[in-house]
Amino acid sequence: MSDYQEYLSERDKIDFYLGQGYKIIRVTENLSGAFLTFRNKKDQNDSAEMHVKTADARKYFSAKLLSQSFK
């Protein structure tokens, strides 16, 4: 898969979680990318985690994280 296709896949997954009412609660970065932890706003026991590898997707979730901070 090309880098662009991988970015689109990661972006769509991030948008899916945010669209389902999840919020990014934790970001853990290392040399292999970033690990995002999402928590459902309605059900605090419902959480999900994903691995973001591409630089563009890391920029994308950073912008989303900042925007959710100001809501």
PDB file of N, CA and C in Angstrom:
ATOM      1  N   MET A   1       0.845  -1.171   0.000  1.00  0.00           N
ATOM      2  CA  MET A   1       0.000   0.000   0.000  1.00  0.00           C
ATOM      3  C   MET A   1       0.892   1.236   0.000  1.00  0.00           C
ATOM      4  N   SER A   2       0.499   2.203  -0.809  1.00  0.00           N
ATOM      5  CA  SER A   2       1.290   3.432  -0.858  1.00  0.00           C
ATOM      6  C   SER A   2       1.094   4.242   0.425  1.00  0.00           C
ATOM      7  N   ASP A   3       2.016   5.149   0.664  1.00  0.00           N
ATOM      8  CA  ASP A   3       1.925   5.999   1.853  1.00  0.00           C
ATOM      9  C   ASP A   3       0.625   6.789   1.858  1.00  0.00           C
ATOM     10  N   TYR A   4       0.225   7.273   0.673  1.00  0.00           N
ATOM     11  CA  TYR A   4      -0.997   8.064   0.600  1.00  0.00           C
ATOM     12  C   TYR A   4      -2.216   7.200   0.934  1.00  0.00           C
ATOM     13  N   GLN A   5      -2.261   5.989   0.417  1.00  0.00           N
ATOM     14  CA  GLN A   5      -3.381   5.093   0.713  1.00  0.00           C
ATOM     15  C   GLN A   5      -3.418   4.739   2.198  1.00  0.00           C
ATOM     16  N   GLU A   6      -2.250   4.545   2.800  1.00  0.00           N
ATOM     17  CA  GLU A   6      -2.188   4.257   4.230  1.00  0.00           C
ATOM     18  C   GLU A   6      -2.668   5.463   5.039  1.00  0.00           C
ATOM     19  N   TYR A   7      -2.282   6.658   4.606  1.00  0.00           N
ATOM     20  CA  TYR A   7      -2.753   7.874   5.266  1.00  0.00           C
ATOM     21  C   TYR A   7      -4.280   7.971   5.197  1.00  0.00           C
ATOM     22  N   LEU A   8      -4.856   7.730   4.013  1.00  0.00           N
ATOM     23  CA  LEU A   8      -6.309   7.800   3.866  1.00  0.00           C
ATOM     24  C   LEU A   8      -7.009   6.804   4.783  1.00  0.00           C
ATOM     25  N   SER A   9      -6.447   5.618   4.897  1.00  0.00           N
ATOM     26  CA  SER A   9      -7.016   4.598   5.771  1.00  0.00           C
ATOM     27  C   SER A   9      -6.979   5.044   7.228  1.00  0.00           C
ATOM     28  N   GLU A  10      -5.852   5.582   7.656  1.00  0.00           N
ATOM     29  CA  GLU A  10      -5.716   6.047   9.036  1.00  0.00           C
ATOM     30  C   GLU A  10      -6.627   7.245   9.307  1.00  0.00           C
ATOM     31  N   ARG A  11      -6.700   8.159   8.350  1.00  0.00           N
ATOM     32  CA  ARG A  11      -7.561   9.329   8.504  1.00  0.00           C
ATOM     33  C   ARG A  11      -9.025   8.910   8.626  1.00  0.00           C
ATOM     34  N   ASP A  12      -9.439   7.978   7.793  1.00  0.00           N
ATOM     35  CA  ASP A  12     -10.822   7.506   7.840  1.00  0.00           C
ATOM     36  C   ASP A  12     -11.138   6.824   9.165  1.00  0.00           C
ATOM     37  N   LYS A  13     -10.181   6.085   9.690  1.00  0.00           N
ATOM     38  CA  LYS A  13     -10.387   5.409  10.975  1.00  0.00           C
ATOM     39  C   LYS A  13     -10.504   6.432  12.114  1.00  0.00           C
ATOM     40  N   ILE A  14      -9.670   7.468  12.088  1.00  0.00           N
ATOM     41  CA  ILE A  14      -9.744   8.526  13.088  1.00  0.00           C
ATOM     42  C   ILE A  14     -11.104   9.217  12.997  1.00  0.00           C
ATOM     43  N   ASP A  15     -11.523   9.554  11.773  1.00  0.00           N
ATOM     44  CA  ASP A  15     -12.826  10.202  11.580  1.00  0.00           C
ATOM     45  C   ASP A  15     -13.975   9.306  12.026  1.00  0.00           C
ATOM     46  N   PHE A  16     -13.848   7.994  11.812  1.00  0.00           N
ATOM     47  CA  PHE A  16     -14.875   7.064  12.239  1.00  0.00           C
ATOM     48  C   PHE A  16     -15.047   7.122  13.757  1.00  0.00           C
ATOM     49  N   TYR A  17     -13.945   7.011  14.479  1.00  0.00           N
ATOM     50  CA  TYR A  17     -14.024   7.047  15.943  1.00  0.00           C
ATOM     51  C   TYR A  17     -14.589   8.378  16.436  1.00  0.00           C
ATOM     52  N   LEU A  18     -14.114   9.485  15.886  1.00  0.00           N
ATOM     53  CA  LEU A  18     -14.603  10.793  16.321  1.00  0.00           C
ATOM     54  C   LEU A  18     -16.079  10.965  15.962  1.00  0.00           C
ATOM     55  N   GLY A  19     -16.485  10.439  14.828  1.00  0.00           N
ATOM     56  CA  GLY A  19     -17.876  10.511  14.409  1.00  0.00           C
ATOM     57  C   GLY A  19     -18.799   9.659  15.256  1.00  0.00           C
ATOM     58  N   GLN A  20     -18.265   8.608  15.866  1.00  0.00           N
ATOM     59  CA  GLN A  20     -19.054   7.720  16.717  1.00  0.00           C
ATOM     60  C   GLN A  20     -19.132   8.218  18.155  1.00  0.00           C
ATOM     61  N   GLY A  21     -18.608   9.391  18.413  1.00  0.00           N
ATOM     62  CA  GLY A  21     -18.709   9.971  19.752  1.00  0.00           C
ATOM     63  C   GLY A  21     -17.523   9.676  20.651  1.00  0.00           C
ATOM     64  N   TYR A  22     -16.411   9.264  20.066  1.00  0.00           N
ATOM     65  CA  TYR A  22     -15.200   9.029  20.850  1.00  0.00           C
ATOM     66  C   TYR A  22     -14.395  10.316  20.924  1.00  0.00           C
ATOM     67  N   LYS A  23     -13.535  10.386  21.914  1.00  0.00           N
ATOM     68  CA  LYS A  23     -12.645  11.527  22.110  1.00  0.00           C
ATOM     69  C   LYS A  23     -11.235  10.980  22.319  1.00  0.00           C
ATOM     70  N   ILE A  24     -10.235  11.655  21.775  1.00  0.00           N
ATOM     71  CA  ILE A  24      -8.852  11.236  21.974  1.00  0.00           C
ATOM     72  C   ILE A  24      -8.463  11.609  23.402  1.00  0.00           C
ATOM     73  N   ILE A  25      -8.083  10.607  24.188  1.00  0.00           N
ATOM     74  CA  ILE A  25      -7.725  10.885  25.582  1.00  0.00           C
ATOM     75  C   ILE A  25      -6.240  10.695  25.862  1.00  0.00           C
ATOM     76  N   ARG A  26      -5.540   9.968  24.996  1.00  0.00           N
ATOM     77  CA  ARG A  26      -4.116   9.731  25.243  1.00  0.00           C
ATOM     78  C   ARG A  26      -3.394   9.532  23.914  1.00  0.00           C
ATOM     79  N   VAL A  27      -2.202  10.088  23.833  1.00  0.00           N
ATOM     80  CA  VAL A  27      -1.319   9.898  22.676  1.00  0.00           C
ATOM     81  C   VAL A  27       0.028   9.450  23.205  1.00  0.00           C
ATOM     82  N   THR A  28       0.489   8.311  22.717  1.00  0.00           N
ATOM     83  CA  THR A  28       1.806   7.799  23.082  1.00  0.00           C
ATOM     84  C   THR A  28       2.620   7.679  21.802  1.00  0.00           C
ATOM     85  N   GLU A  29       3.695   8.438  21.722  1.00  0.00           N
ATOM     86  CA  GLU A  29       4.515   8.424  20.513  1.00  0.00           C
ATOM     87  C   GLU A  29       5.819   7.697  20.767  1.00  0.00           C
ATOM     88  N   ASN A  30       6.263   6.986  19.718  1.00  0.00           N
ATOM     89  CA  ASN A  30       7.562   6.331  19.758  1.00  0.00           C
ATOM     90  C   ASN A  30       8.118   6.310  18.336  1.00  0.00           C
ATOM     91  N   LEU A  31       9.182   5.591  18.115  1.00  0.00           N
ATOM     92  CA  LEU A  31       9.832   5.596  16.800  1.00  0.00           C
ATOM     93  C   LEU A  31       9.001   4.930  15.711  1.00  0.00           C
ATOM     94  N   SER A  32       8.026   4.115  16.081  1.00  0.00           N
ATOM     95  CA  SER A  32       7.209   3.440  15.074  1.00  0.00           C
ATOM     96  C   SER A  32       5.888   4.159  14.817  1.00  0.00           C
ATOM     97  N   GLY A  33       5.690   5.328  15.392  1.00  0.00           N
ATOM     98  CA  GLY A  33       4.462   6.080  15.150  1.00  0.00           C
ATOM     99  C   GLY A  33       3.847   6.570  16.437  1.00  0.00           C
ATOM    100  N   ALA A  34       2.522   6.669  16.406  1.00  0.00           N
ATOM    101  CA  ALA A  34       1.789   7.146  17.584  1.00  0.00           C
ATOM    102  C   ALA A  34       0.654   6.169  17.874  1.00  0.00           C
ATOM    103  N   PHE A  35       0.393   5.958  19.146  1.00  0.00           N
ATOM    104  CA  PHE A  35      -0.723   5.135  19.570  1.00  0.00           C
ATOM    105  C   PHE A  35      -1.769   6.054  20.177  1.00  0.00           C
ATOM    106  N   LEU A  36      -2.974   6.048  19.595  1.00  0.00           N
ATOM    107  CA  LEU A  36      -4.067   6.881  20.076  1.00  0.00           C
ATOM    108  C   LEU A  36      -5.012   6.040  20.903  1.00  0.00           C
ATOM    109  N   THR A  37      -5.437   6.570  22.018  1.00  0.00           N
ATOM    110  CA  THR A  37      -6.460   5.921  22.830  1.00  0.00           C
ATOM    111  C   THR A  37      -7.695   6.813  22.789  1.00  0.00           C
ATOM    112  N   PHE A  38      -8.809   6.220  22.389  1.00  0.00           N
ATOM    113  CA  PHE A  38     -10.084   6.919  22.306  1.00  0.00           C
ATOM    114  C   PHE A  38     -10.979   6.436  23.433  1.00  0.00           C
ATOM    115  N   ARG A  39     -11.834   7.319  23.926  1.00  0.00           N
ATOM    116  CA  ARG A  39     -12.841   6.922  24.907  1.00  0.00           C
ATOM    117  C   ARG A  39     -14.178   7.493  24.456  1.00  0.00           C
ATOM    118  N   ASN A  40     -15.210   6.672  24.557  1.00  0.00           N
ATOM    119  CA  ASN A  40     -16.547   7.099  24.177  1.00  0.00           C
ATOM    120  C   ASN A  40     -17.056   8.123  25.182  1.00  0.00           C
ATOM    121  N   LYS A  41     -17.603   9.227  24.686  1.00  0.00           N
ATOM    122  CA  LYS A  41     -18.098  10.291  25.565  1.00  0.00           C
ATOM    123  C   LYS A  41     -19.307   9.825  26.375  1.00  0.00           C
ATOM    124  N   LYS A  42     -20.138   8.953  25.777  1.00  0.00           N
ATOM    125  CA  LYS A  42     -21.354   8.509  26.448  1.00  0.00           C
ATOM    126  C   LYS A  42     -21.116   7.347  27.396  1.00  0.00           C
ATOM    127  N   ASP A  43     -20.234   6.437  27.011  1.00  0.00           N
ATOM    128  CA  ASP A  43     -19.937   5.253  27.826  1.00  0.00           C
ATOM    129  C   ASP A  43     -18.451   5.271  28.170  1.00  0.00           C
ATOM    130  N   GLN A  44     -18.113   5.723  29.359  1.00  0.00           N
ATOM    131  CA  GLN A  44     -16.717   5.896  29.761  1.00  0.00           C
ATOM    132  C   GLN A  44     -15.940   4.575  29.812  1.00  0.00           C
ATOM    133  N   ASN A  45     -16.633   3.449  29.839  1.00  0.00           N
ATOM    134  CA  ASN A  45     -15.952   2.150  29.856  1.00  0.00           C
ATOM    135  C   ASN A  45     -15.596   1.662  28.459  1.00  0.00           C
ATOM    136  N   ASP A  46     -16.107   2.334  27.438  1.00  0.00           N
ATOM    137  CA  ASP A  46     -15.870   1.939  26.049  1.00  0.00           C
ATOM    138  C   ASP A  46     -14.676   2.719  25.511  1.00  0.00           C
ATOM    139  N   SER A  47     -13.602   2.010  25.187  1.00  0.00           N
ATOM    140  CA  SER A  47     -12.423   2.675  24.644  1.00  0.00           C
ATOM    141  C   SER A  47     -11.874   1.877  23.470  1.00  0.00           C
ATOM    142  N   ALA A  48     -11.036   2.527  22.680  1.00  0.00           N
ATOM    143  CA  ALA A  48     -10.413   1.889  21.520  1.00  0.00           C
ATOM    144  C   ALA A  48      -9.015   2.462  21.372  1.00  0.00           C
ATOM    145  N   GLU A  49      -8.166   1.708  20.714  1.00  0.00           N
ATOM    146  CA  GLU A  49      -6.801   2.162  20.485  1.00  0.00           C
ATOM    147  C   GLU A  49      -6.430   1.901  19.035  1.00  0.00           C
ATOM    148  N   MET A  50      -5.640   2.791  18.468  1.00  0.00           N
ATOM    149  CA  MET A  50      -5.149   2.576  17.108  1.00  0.00           C
ATOM    150  C   MET A  50      -3.712   3.061  16.981  1.00  0.00           C
ATOM    151  N   HIS A  51      -3.018   2.479  16.015  1.00  0.00           N
ATOM    152  CA  HIS A  51      -1.620   2.813  15.746  1.00  0.00           C
ATOM    153  C   HIS A  51      -1.586   3.678  14.492  1.00  0.00           C
ATOM    154  N   VAL A  52      -1.029   4.866  14.596  1.00  0.00           N
ATOM    155  CA  VAL A  52      -0.899   5.787  13.474  1.00  0.00           C
ATOM    156  C   VAL A  52       0.561   5.807  13.057  1.00  0.00           C
ATOM    157  N   LYS A  53       0.808   5.458  11.801  1.00  0.00           N
ATOM    158  CA  LYS A  53       2.190   5.329  11.327  1.00  0.00           C
ATOM    159  C   LYS A  53       2.645   6.477  10.429  1.00  0.00           C
ATOM    160  N   THR A  54       1.734   7.027   9.626  1.00  0.00           N
ATOM    161  CA  THR A  54       2.154   8.025   8.646  1.00  0.00           C
ATOM    162  C   THR A  54       2.256   9.414   9.262  1.00  0.00           C
ATOM    163  N   ALA A  55       3.173  10.198   8.740  1.00  0.00           N
ATOM    164  CA  ALA A  55       3.375  11.558   9.245  1.00  0.00           C
ATOM    165  C   ALA A  55       2.148  12.428   8.986  1.00  0.00           C
ATOM    166  N   ASP A  56       1.509  12.257   7.834  1.00  0.00           N
ATOM    167  CA  ASP A  56       0.330  13.064   7.522  1.00  0.00           C
ATOM    168  C   ASP A  56      -0.819  12.757   8.469  1.00  0.00           C
ATOM    169  N   ALA A  57      -1.007  11.504   8.824  1.00  0.00           N
ATOM    170  CA  ALA A  57      -2.073  11.138   9.768  1.00  0.00           C
ATOM    171  C   ALA A  57      -1.744  11.659  11.171  1.00  0.00           C
ATOM    172  N   ARG A  58      -0.478  11.717  11.500  1.00  0.00           N
ATOM    173  CA  ARG A  58      -0.085  12.267  12.806  1.00  0.00           C
ATOM    174  C   ARG A  58      -0.391  13.764  12.855  1.00  0.00           C
ATOM    175  N   LYS A  59      -0.158  14.472  11.758  1.00  0.00           N
ATOM    176  CA  LYS A  59      -0.529  15.883  11.691  1.00  0.00           C
ATOM    177  C   LYS A  59      -2.048  16.027  11.761  1.00  0.00           C
ATOM    178  N   TYR A  60      -2.756  15.136  11.102  1.00  0.00           N
ATOM    179  CA  TYR A  60      -4.220  15.193  11.070  1.00  0.00           C
ATOM    180  C   TYR A  60      -4.812  15.014  12.467  1.00  0.00           C
ATOM    181  N   PHE A  61      -4.368  13.978  13.189  1.00  0.00           N
ATOM    182  CA  PHE A  61      -4.949  13.779  14.519  1.00  0.00           C
ATOM    183  C   PHE A  61      -4.527  14.895  15.471  1.00  0.00           C
ATOM    184  N   SER A  62      -3.361  15.507  15.245  1.00  0.00           N
ATOM    185  CA  SER A  62      -2.947  16.637  16.088  1.00  0.00           C
ATOM    186  C   SER A  62      -3.913  17.803  15.932  1.00  0.00           C
ATOM    187  N   ALA A  63      -4.324  18.075  14.705  1.00  0.00           N
ATOM    188  CA  ALA A  63      -5.283  19.149  14.459  1.00  0.00           C
ATOM    189  C   ALA A  63      -6.625  18.808  15.097  1.00  0.00           C
ATOM    190  N   LYS A  64      -7.056  17.568  14.994  1.00  0.00           N
ATOM    191  CA  LYS A  64      -8.310  17.134  15.604  1.00  0.00           C
ATOM    192  C   LYS A  64      -8.231  17.222  17.130  1.00  0.00           C
ATOM    193  N   LEU A  65      -7.094  16.870  17.673  1.00  0.00           N
ATOM    194  CA  LEU A  65      -6.904  16.930  19.117  1.00  0.00           C
ATOM    195  C   LEU A  65      -6.987  18.373  19.611  1.00  0.00           C
ATOM    196  N   LEU A  66      -6.369  19.281  18.889  1.00  0.00           N
ATOM    197  CA  LEU A  66      -6.445  20.694  19.258  1.00  0.00           C
ATOM    198  C   LEU A  66      -7.869  21.220  19.156  1.00  0.00           C
ATOM    199  N   SER A  67      -8.582  20.825  18.107  1.00  0.00           N
ATOM    200  CA  SER A  67      -9.946  21.332  17.943  1.00  0.00           C
ATOM    201  C   SER A  67     -10.877  20.796  19.019  1.00  0.00           C
ATOM    202  N   GLN A  68     -10.660  19.550  19.484  1.00  0.00           N
ATOM    203  CA  GLN A  68     -11.522  19.015  20.536  1.00  0.00           C
ATOM    204  C   GLN A  68     -11.205  19.664  21.874  1.00  0.00           C
ATOM    205  N   SER A  69     -10.018  20.227  22.017  1.00  0.00           N
ATOM    206  CA  SER A  69      -9.644  20.907  23.253  1.00  0.00           C
ATOM    207  C   SER A  69     -10.389  22.230  23.422  1.00  0.00           C
ATOM    208  N   PHE A  70     -10.799  22.833  22.310  1.00  0.00           N
ATOM    209  CA  PHE A  70     -11.452  24.134  22.360  1.00  0.00           C
ATOM    210  C   PHE A  70     -12.967  24.041  22.320  1.00  0.00           C
ATOM    211  N   LYS A  71     -13.512  22.845  22.333  1.00  0.00           N
ATOM    212  CA  LYS A  71     -14.976  22.677  22.303  1.00  0.00           C
ATOM    213  C   LYS A  71     -15.543  22.685  23.686  1.00  0.00           C
TER     214      LYS A  71
END
